[in-house]
PDB file of all heavy atoms in Angstrom:
ATOM      1  N   GLU A   1       8.416 -15.825  -2.795  1.00  0.00           N
ATOM      2  CA  GLU A   1       9.807 -16.189  -2.902  1.00  0.00           C
ATOM      3  C   GLU A   1      10.560 -15.336  -3.987  1.00  0.00           C
ATOM      4  O   GLU A   1      11.650 -14.867  -3.779  1.00  0.00           O
ATOM      5  CB  GLU A   1       9.976 -17.642  -3.091  1.00  0.00           C
ATOM      6  CG  GLU A   1       9.580 -18.483  -1.909  1.00  0.00           C
ATOM      7  CD  GLU A   1       9.982 -19.941  -2.039  1.00  0.00           C
ATOM      8  OE1 GLU A   1      10.681 -20.258  -3.042  1.00  0.00           O
ATOM      9  OE2 GLU A   1       9.567 -20.721  -1.206  1.00  0.00           O
ATOM     10  N   ALA A   2       9.823 -15.205  -5.091  1.00  0.00           N
ATOM     11  CA  ALA A   2      10.426 -14.509  -6.208  1.00  0.00           C
ATOM     12  C   ALA A   2      10.407 -12.934  -5.944  1.00  0.00           C
ATOM     13  O   ALA A   2      11.373 -12.215  -6.304  1.00  0.00           O
ATOM     14  CB  ALA A   2       9.663 -14.746  -7.510  1.00  0.00           C
ATOM     15  N   THR A   3       9.340 -12.492  -5.247  1.00  0.00           N
ATOM     16  CA  THR A   3       9.191 -11.058  -4.952  1.00  0.00           C
ATOM     17  C   THR A   3       8.882 -11.015  -3.478  1.00  0.00           C
ATOM     18  O   THR A   3       7.709 -10.767  -3.070  1.00  0.00           O
ATOM     19  CB  THR A   3       8.041 -10.389  -5.766  1.00  0.00           C
ATOM     20  OG1 THR A   3       8.243 -10.680  -7.160  1.00  0.00           O
ATOM     21  CG2 THR A   3       8.031  -8.879  -5.624  1.00  0.00           C
ATOM     22  N   PRO A   4       9.952 -11.095  -2.610  1.00  0.00           N
ATOM     23  CA  PRO A   4       9.680 -11.221  -1.201  1.00  0.00           C
ATOM     24  C   PRO A   4       9.154  -9.912  -0.576  1.00  0.00           C
ATOM     25  O   PRO A   4       8.468  -9.946   0.419  1.00  0.00           O
ATOM     26  CB  PRO A   4      11.039 -11.601  -0.607  1.00  0.00           C
ATOM     27  CG  PRO A   4      12.072 -11.178  -1.592  1.00  0.00           C
ATOM     28  CD  PRO A   4      11.373 -11.328  -2.909  1.00  0.00           C
ATOM     29  N   TRP A   5       9.534  -8.774  -1.122  1.00  0.00           N
ATOM     30  CA  TRP A   5       9.068  -7.503  -0.642  1.00  0.00           C
ATOM     31  C   TRP A   5       8.199  -6.840  -1.713  1.00  0.00           C
ATOM     32  O   TRP A   5       8.507  -6.878  -2.910  1.00  0.00           O
ATOM     33  CB  TRP A   5      10.274  -6.595  -0.348  1.00  0.00           C
ATOM     34  CG  TRP A   5      10.842  -6.839   1.036  1.00  0.00           C
ATOM     35  CD1 TRP A   5      11.583  -7.947   1.428  1.00  0.00           C
ATOM     36  CD2 TRP A   5      10.817  -5.961   2.170  1.00  0.00           C
ATOM     37  NE1 TRP A   5      11.961  -7.806   2.718  1.00  0.00           N
ATOM     38  CE2 TRP A   5      11.541  -6.583   3.187  1.00  0.00           C
ATOM     39  CE3 TRP A   5      10.282  -4.731   2.390  1.00  0.00           C
ATOM     40  CZ2 TRP A   5      11.690  -6.038   4.461  1.00  0.00           C
ATOM     41  CZ3 TRP A   5      10.432  -4.103   3.587  1.00  0.00           C
ATOM     42  CH2 TRP A   5      11.126  -4.790   4.625  1.00  0.00           C
ATOM     43  N   VAL A   6       7.194  -6.058  -1.213  1.00  0.00           N
ATOM     44  CA  VAL A   6       6.375  -5.246  -2.119  1.00  0.00           C
ATOM     45  C   VAL A   6       6.962  -3.854  -1.978  1.00  0.00           C
ATOM     46  O   VAL A   6       6.804  -3.189  -0.940  1.00  0.00           O
ATOM     47  CB  VAL A   6       4.945  -5.260  -1.718  1.00  0.00           C
ATOM     48  CG1 VAL A   6       4.137  -4.347  -2.630  1.00  0.00           C
ATOM     49  CG2 VAL A   6       4.399  -6.720  -1.790  1.00  0.00           C
ATOM     50  N   LEU A   7       7.669  -3.418  -3.031  1.00  0.00           N
ATOM     51  CA  LEU A   7       8.320  -2.140  -3.014  1.00  0.00           C
ATOM     52  C   LEU A   7       7.566  -1.174  -3.980  1.00  0.00           C
ATOM     53  O   LEU A   7       7.280  -1.622  -5.149  1.00  0.00           O
ATOM     54  CB  LEU A   7       9.759  -2.242  -3.433  1.00  0.00           C
ATOM     55  CG  LEU A   7      10.629  -3.161  -2.586  1.00  0.00           C
ATOM     56  CD1 LEU A   7      12.028  -3.298  -3.140  1.00  0.00           C
ATOM     57  CD2 LEU A   7      10.641  -2.736  -1.104  1.00  0.00           C
ATOM     58  N   GLY A   8       7.317  -0.011  -3.571  1.00  0.00           N
ATOM     59  CA  GLY A   8       6.620   0.973  -4.393  1.00  0.00           C
ATOM     60  C   GLY A   8       7.247   2.336  -4.339  1.00  0.00           C
ATOM     61  O   GLY A   8       7.894   2.676  -3.290  1.00  0.00           O
ATOM     62  N   TRP A   9       7.073   3.125  -5.359  1.00  0.00           N
ATOM     63  CA  TRP A   9       7.820   4.351  -5.486  1.00  0.00           C
ATOM     64  C   TRP A   9       6.930   5.455  -6.047  1.00  0.00           C
ATOM     65  O   TRP A   9       6.280   5.236  -7.025  1.00  0.00           O
ATOM     66  CB  TRP A   9       9.055   4.192  -6.352  1.00  0.00           C
ATOM     67  CG  TRP A   9       9.955   3.065  -5.976  1.00  0.00           C
ATOM     68  CD1 TRP A   9       9.835   1.765  -6.345  1.00  0.00           C
ATOM     69  CD2 TRP A   9      11.098   3.173  -5.128  1.00  0.00           C
ATOM     70  NE1 TRP A   9      10.880   1.033  -5.805  1.00  0.00           N
ATOM     71  CE2 TRP A   9      11.658   1.882  -5.002  1.00  0.00           C
ATOM     72  CE3 TRP A   9      11.717   4.253  -4.476  1.00  0.00           C
ATOM     73  CZ2 TRP A   9      12.806   1.586  -4.331  1.00  0.00           C
ATOM     74  CZ3 TRP A   9      12.889   3.949  -3.764  1.00  0.00           C
ATOM     75  CH2 TRP A   9      13.410   2.664  -3.620  1.00  0.00           C
ATOM     76  N   GLY A  10       7.053   6.635  -5.419  1.00  0.00           N
ATOM     77  CA  GLY A  10       6.537   7.852  -6.018  1.00  0.00           C
ATOM     78  C   GLY A  10       5.177   8.314  -5.570  1.00  0.00           C
ATOM     79  O   GLY A  10       4.604   9.193  -6.246  1.00  0.00           O
ATOM     80  N   TYR A  11       4.641   7.816  -4.443  1.00  0.00           N
ATOM     81  CA  TYR A  11       3.312   8.344  -4.068  1.00  0.00           C
ATOM     82  C   TYR A  11       3.431   9.827  -3.639  1.00  0.00           C
ATOM     83  O   TYR A  11       4.408  10.207  -2.956  1.00  0.00           O
ATOM     84  CB  TYR A  11       2.720   7.483  -2.903  1.00  0.00           C
ATOM     85  CG  TYR A  11       3.323   7.671  -1.570  1.00  0.00           C
ATOM     86  CD1 TYR A  11       2.915   8.699  -0.719  1.00  0.00           C
ATOM     87  CD2 TYR A  11       4.385   6.783  -1.098  1.00  0.00           C
ATOM     88  CE1 TYR A  11       3.569   8.844   0.530  1.00  0.00           C
ATOM     89  CE2 TYR A  11       4.945   6.995   0.144  1.00  0.00           C
ATOM     90  CZ  TYR A  11       4.564   7.981   0.953  1.00  0.00           C
ATOM     91  OH  TYR A  11       5.152   8.214   2.147  1.00  0.00           O
ATOM     92  N   PRO A  12       2.455  10.650  -4.000  1.00  0.00           N
ATOM     93  CA  PRO A  12       2.488  12.026  -3.595  1.00  0.00           C
ATOM     94  C   PRO A  12       2.322  12.212  -2.081  1.00  0.00           C
ATOM     95  O   PRO A  12       1.243  11.722  -1.564  1.00  0.00           O
ATOM     96  CB  PRO A  12       1.404  12.725  -4.382  1.00  0.00           C
ATOM     97  CG  PRO A  12       1.064  11.701  -5.445  1.00  0.00           C
ATOM     98  CD  PRO A  12       1.381  10.360  -4.843  1.00  0.00           C
ATOM     99  N   PRO A  13       3.205  12.768  -1.291  1.00  0.00           N
ATOM    100  CA  PRO A  13       3.041  12.815   0.152  1.00  0.00           C
ATOM    101  C   PRO A  13       1.858  13.640   0.577  1.00  0.00           C
ATOM    102  O   PRO A  13       1.258  13.377   1.641  1.00  0.00           O
ATOM    103  CB  PRO A  13       4.291  13.408   0.629  1.00  0.00           C
ATOM    104  CG  PRO A  13       4.885  14.143  -0.524  1.00  0.00           C
ATOM    105  CD  PRO A  13       4.485  13.371  -1.742  1.00  0.00           C
ATOM    106  N   GLU A  14       1.339  14.503  -0.240  1.00  0.00           N
ATOM    107  CA  GLU A  14       0.184  15.347   0.089  1.00  0.00           C
ATOM    108  C   GLU A  14      -1.096  14.630   0.164  1.00  0.00           C
ATOM    109  O   GLU A  14      -2.071  15.135   0.735  1.00  0.00           O
ATOM    110  CB  GLU A  14       0.134  16.543  -0.818  1.00  0.00           C
ATOM    111  CG  GLU A  14      -0.284  16.279  -2.263  1.00  0.00           C
ATOM    112  CD  GLU A  14       0.840  16.001  -3.163  1.00  0.00           C
ATOM    113  OE1 GLU A  14       1.994  15.698  -2.624  1.00  0.00           O
ATOM    114  OE2 GLU A  14       0.719  16.088  -4.394  1.00  0.00           O
ATOM    115  N   ILE A  15      -1.138  13.348  -0.363  1.00  0.00           N
ATOM    116  CA  ILE A  15      -2.381  12.632  -0.260  1.00  0.00           C
ATOM    117  C   ILE A  15      -2.604  11.999   1.152  1.00  0.00           C
ATOM    118  O   ILE A  15      -3.708  11.520   1.460  1.00  0.00           O
ATOM    119  CB  ILE A  15      -2.454  11.452  -1.306  1.00  0.00           C
ATOM    120  CG1 ILE A  15      -1.453  10.420  -1.023  1.00  0.00           C
ATOM    121  CG2 ILE A  15      -2.269  12.073  -2.726  1.00  0.00           C
ATOM    122  CD1 ILE A  15      -1.426   9.258  -1.946  1.00  0.00           C
ATOM    123  N   LEU A  16      -1.607  12.070   2.032  1.00  0.00           N
ATOM    124  CA  LEU A  16      -1.674  11.573   3.359  1.00  0.00           C
ATOM    125  C   LEU A  16      -1.870  12.775   4.354  1.00  0.00           C
ATOM    126  O   LEU A  16      -1.249  13.777   4.233  1.00  0.00           O
ATOM    127  CB  LEU A  16      -0.441  10.798   3.722  1.00  0.00           C
ATOM    128  CG  LEU A  16      -0.215   9.500   2.902  1.00  0.00           C
ATOM    129  CD1 LEU A  16       1.199   8.978   3.216  1.00  0.00           C
ATOM    130  CD2 LEU A  16      -1.232   8.415   3.238  1.00  0.00           C
ATOM    131  N   PRO A  17      -2.683  12.574   5.362  1.00  0.00           N
ATOM    132  CA  PRO A  17      -2.849  13.659   6.390  1.00  0.00           C
ATOM    133  C   PRO A  17      -1.526  13.954   7.008  1.00  0.00           C
ATOM    134  O   PRO A  17      -0.852  13.101   7.607  1.00  0.00           O
ATOM    135  CB  PRO A  17      -3.823  12.989   7.385  1.00  0.00           C
ATOM    136  CG  PRO A  17      -4.476  11.928   6.626  1.00  0.00           C
ATOM    137  CD  PRO A  17      -3.535  11.408   5.651  1.00  0.00           C
ATOM    138  N   GLY A  18      -1.025  15.203   6.788  1.00  0.00           N
ATOM    139  CA  GLY A  18       0.250  15.601   7.342  1.00  0.00           C
ATOM    140  C   GLY A  18       1.430  14.913   6.642  1.00  0.00           C
ATOM    141  O   GLY A  18       2.512  15.009   7.208  1.00  0.00           O
ATOM    142  N   GLY A  19       1.142  14.170   5.588  1.00  0.00           N
ATOM    143  CA  GLY A  19       2.234  13.405   4.909  1.00  0.00           C
ATOM    144  C   GLY A  19       2.594  12.112   5.692  1.00  0.00           C
ATOM    145  O   GLY A  19       3.598  11.504   5.346  1.00  0.00           O
ATOM    146  N   VAL A  20       1.737  11.714   6.625  1.00  0.00           N
ATOM    147  CA  VAL A  20       2.054  10.520   7.457  1.00  0.00           C
ATOM    148  C   VAL A  20       1.167   9.328   7.031  1.00  0.00           C
ATOM    149  O   VAL A  20      -0.043   9.396   7.069  1.00  0.00           O
ATOM    150  CB  VAL A  20       1.874  10.859   8.918  1.00  0.00           C
ATOM    151  CG1 VAL A  20       2.039   9.583   9.771  1.00  0.00           C
ATOM    152  CG2 VAL A  20       2.840  11.912   9.372  1.00  0.00           C
ATOM    153  N   GLY A  21       1.833   8.170   6.653  1.00  0.00           N
ATOM    154  CA  GLY A  21       1.116   6.973   6.321  1.00  0.00           C
ATOM    155  C   GLY A  21       1.150   5.979   7.478  1.00  0.00           C
ATOM    156  O   GLY A  21       2.142   5.884   8.213  1.00  0.00           O
ATOM    157  N   ARG A  22       0.086   5.217   7.599  1.00  0.00           N
ATOM    158  CA  ARG A  22      -0.025   4.231   8.755  1.00  0.00           C
ATOM    159  C   ARG A  22       0.082   2.832   8.223  1.00  0.00           C
ATOM    160  O   ARG A  22      -0.393   2.440   7.192  1.00  0.00           O
ATOM    161  CB  ARG A  22      -1.324   4.486   9.457  1.00  0.00           C
ATOM    162  CG  ARG A  22      -1.523   5.950   9.947  1.00  0.00           C
ATOM    163  CD  ARG A  22      -2.716   6.010  10.912  1.00  0.00           C
ATOM    164  NE  ARG A  22      -2.446   5.380  12.169  1.00  0.00           N
ATOM    165  CZ  ARG A  22      -1.824   5.969  13.244  1.00  0.00           C
ATOM    166  NH1 ARG A  22      -1.410   7.210  13.104  1.00  0.00           N
ATOM    167  NH2 ARG A  22      -1.615   5.328  14.378  1.00  0.00           N
ATOM    168  N   ALA A  23       0.830   2.030   9.049  1.00  0.00           N
ATOM    169  CA  ALA A  23       1.144   0.677   8.612  1.00  0.00           C
ATOM    170  C   ALA A  23      -0.136  -0.192   8.432  1.00  0.00           C
ATOM    171  O   ALA A  23      -0.178  -1.020   7.476  1.00  0.00           O
ATOM    172  CB  ALA A  23       2.008   0.032   9.696  1.00  0.00           C
ATOM    173  N   GLU A  24      -1.091  -0.020   9.216  1.00  0.00           N
ATOM    174  CA  GLU A  24      -2.300  -0.937   9.103  1.00  0.00           C
ATOM    175  C   GLU A  24      -3.098  -0.693   7.809  1.00  0.00           C
ATOM    176  O   GLU A  24      -3.763  -1.580   7.328  1.00  0.00           O
ATOM    177  CB  GLU A  24      -3.241  -0.695  10.328  1.00  0.00           C
ATOM    178  CG  GLU A  24      -3.828   0.661  10.426  1.00  0.00           C
ATOM    179  CD  GLU A  24      -2.954   1.591  11.308  1.00  0.00           C
ATOM    180  OE1 GLU A  24      -1.771   1.304  11.521  1.00  0.00           O
ATOM    181  OE2 GLU A  24      -3.516   2.618  11.797  1.00  0.00           O
ATOM    182  N   VAL A  25      -2.922   0.490   7.222  1.00  0.00           N
ATOM    183  CA  VAL A  25      -3.610   0.765   5.957  1.00  0.00           C
ATOM    184  C   VAL A  25      -3.005  -0.159   4.870  1.00  0.00           C
ATOM    185  O   VAL A  25      -3.715  -0.705   3.999  1.00  0.00           O
ATOM    186  CB  VAL A  25      -3.505   2.216   5.602  1.00  0.00           C
ATOM    187  CG1 VAL A  25      -4.103   2.480   4.188  1.00  0.00           C
ATOM    188  CG2 VAL A  25      -4.155   3.093   6.617  1.00  0.00           C
TER     189      VAL A  25
END
């Protein structure tokens, strides 16, 4: 309730294949 969303910032896109992240991860 105090932190309803988990928000994050600044991941390097090159760590993901083709820069694409998948929801299930």
